[in-house]
């Protein structure tokens, strides 16, 4: 965790084995990430709810990602898209 924080401070973000650099055209992505991250870390009840739901859902998600040979980091997209609510559906109708 310490190494990842140092990378973040120096303009590097890791996702799915790739490094996203703050420079090189990812400025808007970086700004979006920082905005979402800041809103989340100051919303402690929501953060605690995500952790509680993650304990329930992540084992099954991780198992399926491994089976499909998809990097483990993609489990966080489930959090971003559904807040780990079992009854959420995408606007496109995906489950």
Protein backbone atom coordinates (compact mmCIF):
# COMPACT_ATOMS: atom_id res chain seq x y z
CA UNK A 1 0.00 0.00 0.00
CA UNK A 2 2.81 2.40 0.86
CA UNK A 3 4.44 1.93 -2.55
CA UNK A 4 1.14 2.56 -4.34
CA UNK A 5 0.61 5.79 -2.37
CA UNK A 6 4.09 6.99 -3.29
CA UNK A 7 3.32 6.25 -6.94
CA UNK A 8 0.05 8.19 -6.70
CA UNK A 9 1.83 11.18 -5.18
CA UNK A 10 4.27 11.15 -8.10
CA UNK A 11 1.62 11.02 -10.80
CA UNK A 12 1.34 7.27 -11.40
CA UNK A 13 -1.81 5.22 -11.00
CA UNK A 14 -1.84 1.42 -11.38
CA UNK A 15 -4.76 -0.47 -12.94
CA UNK A 16 -4.81 -4.03 -14.28
CA UNK A 17 -1.04 -4.25 -14.43
CA UNK A 18 -0.74 -0.99 -16.35
CA UNK A 19 0.60 2.34 -15.15
CA UNK A 20 -1.41 5.44 -15.99
CA UNK A 21 0.83 8.47 -15.85
CA UNK A 22 -0.55 11.87 -14.94
CA UNK A 23 1.21 13.35 -17.93
CA UNK A 24 0.93 11.84 -21.42
CA UNK A 25 -2.67 12.84 -22.12
CA UNK A 26 -4.42 11.37 -19.08
CA UNK A 27 -5.00 14.67 -17.29
CA UNK A 28 -8.81 14.48 -17.48
CA UNK A 29 -8.80 10.88 -16.27
CA UNK A 30 -6.61 11.90 -13.37
CA UNK A 31 -8.88 14.83 -12.45
CA UNK A 32 -11.95 12.55 -12.59
CA UNK A 33 -10.21 9.98 -10.41
CA UNK A 34 -9.15 12.56 -7.82
CA UNK A 35 -12.66 14.05 -7.69
CA UNK A 36 -14.32 10.65 -7.15
CA UNK A 37 -11.66 9.54 -4.67
CA UNK A 38 -11.97 12.74 -2.65
CA UNK A 39 -15.76 12.47 -2.51
CA UNK A 40 -15.52 8.87 -1.34
CA UNK A 41 -12.90 9.21 1.38
CA UNK A 42 -14.88 11.99 3.03
CA UNK A 43 -18.09 9.94 2.96
CA UNK A 44 -17.18 7.44 5.68
CA UNK A 45 -20.63 5.76 5.94
CA UNK A 46 -20.61 5.01 2.19
CA UNK A 47 -17.03 3.77 2.35
CA UNK A 48 -17.92 1.42 5.21
CA UNK A 49 -20.92 0.15 3.25
CA UNK A 50 -18.72 -0.61 0.23
CA UNK A 51 -16.29 -2.54 2.44
CA UNK A 52 -19.12 -4.55 3.99
CA UNK A 53 -20.60 -5.39 0.59
CA UNK A 54 -17.15 -6.20 -0.81
CA UNK A 55 -16.65 -8.87 1.86
CA UNK A 56 -19.79 -10.57 0.57
CA UNK A 57 -19.38 -10.15 -3.19
CA UNK A 58 -15.64 -9.95 -3.94
CA UNK A 59 -14.87 -13.67 -3.42
CA UNK A 60 -17.33 -14.67 -6.17
CA UNK A 61 -16.25 -11.80 -8.43
CA UNK A 62 -12.55 -12.63 -7.94
CA UNK A 63 -13.20 -16.30 -8.71
CA UNK A 64 -14.97 -15.44 -11.98
CA UNK A 65 -12.31 -12.92 -13.02
CA UNK A 66 -9.60 -15.51 -12.42
CA UNK A 67 -11.55 -18.11 -14.38
CA UNK A 68 -11.88 -15.69 -17.31
CA UNK A 69 -8.22 -14.56 -16.97
CA UNK A 70 -9.25 -10.94 -16.35
CA UNK A 71 -7.06 -8.83 -14.04
CA UNK A 72 -8.31 -8.67 -10.46
CA UNK A 73 -8.49 -4.85 -10.51
CA UNK A 74 -11.63 -5.06 -12.63
CA UNK A 75 -13.62 -5.99 -9.53
CA UNK A 76 -13.52 -2.30 -8.62
CA UNK A 77 -15.48 -1.48 -11.77
CA UNK A 78 -18.34 -3.45 -10.26
CA UNK A 79 -18.23 -1.12 -7.26
CA UNK A 80 -18.19 1.94 -9.50
CA UNK A 81 -21.03 0.71 -11.70
CA UNK A 82 -23.35 -0.90 -9.15
CA UNK A 83 -22.20 0.12 -5.66
CA UNK A 84 -22.36 -3.66 -5.11
CA UNK A 85 -26.15 -3.54 -4.89
CA UNK A 86 -27.63 -6.85 -5.98
CA UNK A 87 -30.67 -5.26 -7.64
CA UNK A 88 -28.85 -2.60 -9.69
CA UNK A 89 -29.12 -2.86 -13.47
CA UNK A 90 -27.24 -0.93 -16.10
CA UNK A 91 -29.07 1.42 -18.42
CA UNK A 92 -28.12 -1.00 -21.21
CA UNK A 93 -29.80 -3.87 -19.36
CA UNK A 94 -26.61 -5.70 -18.38
CA UNK A 95 -26.60 -7.86 -15.25
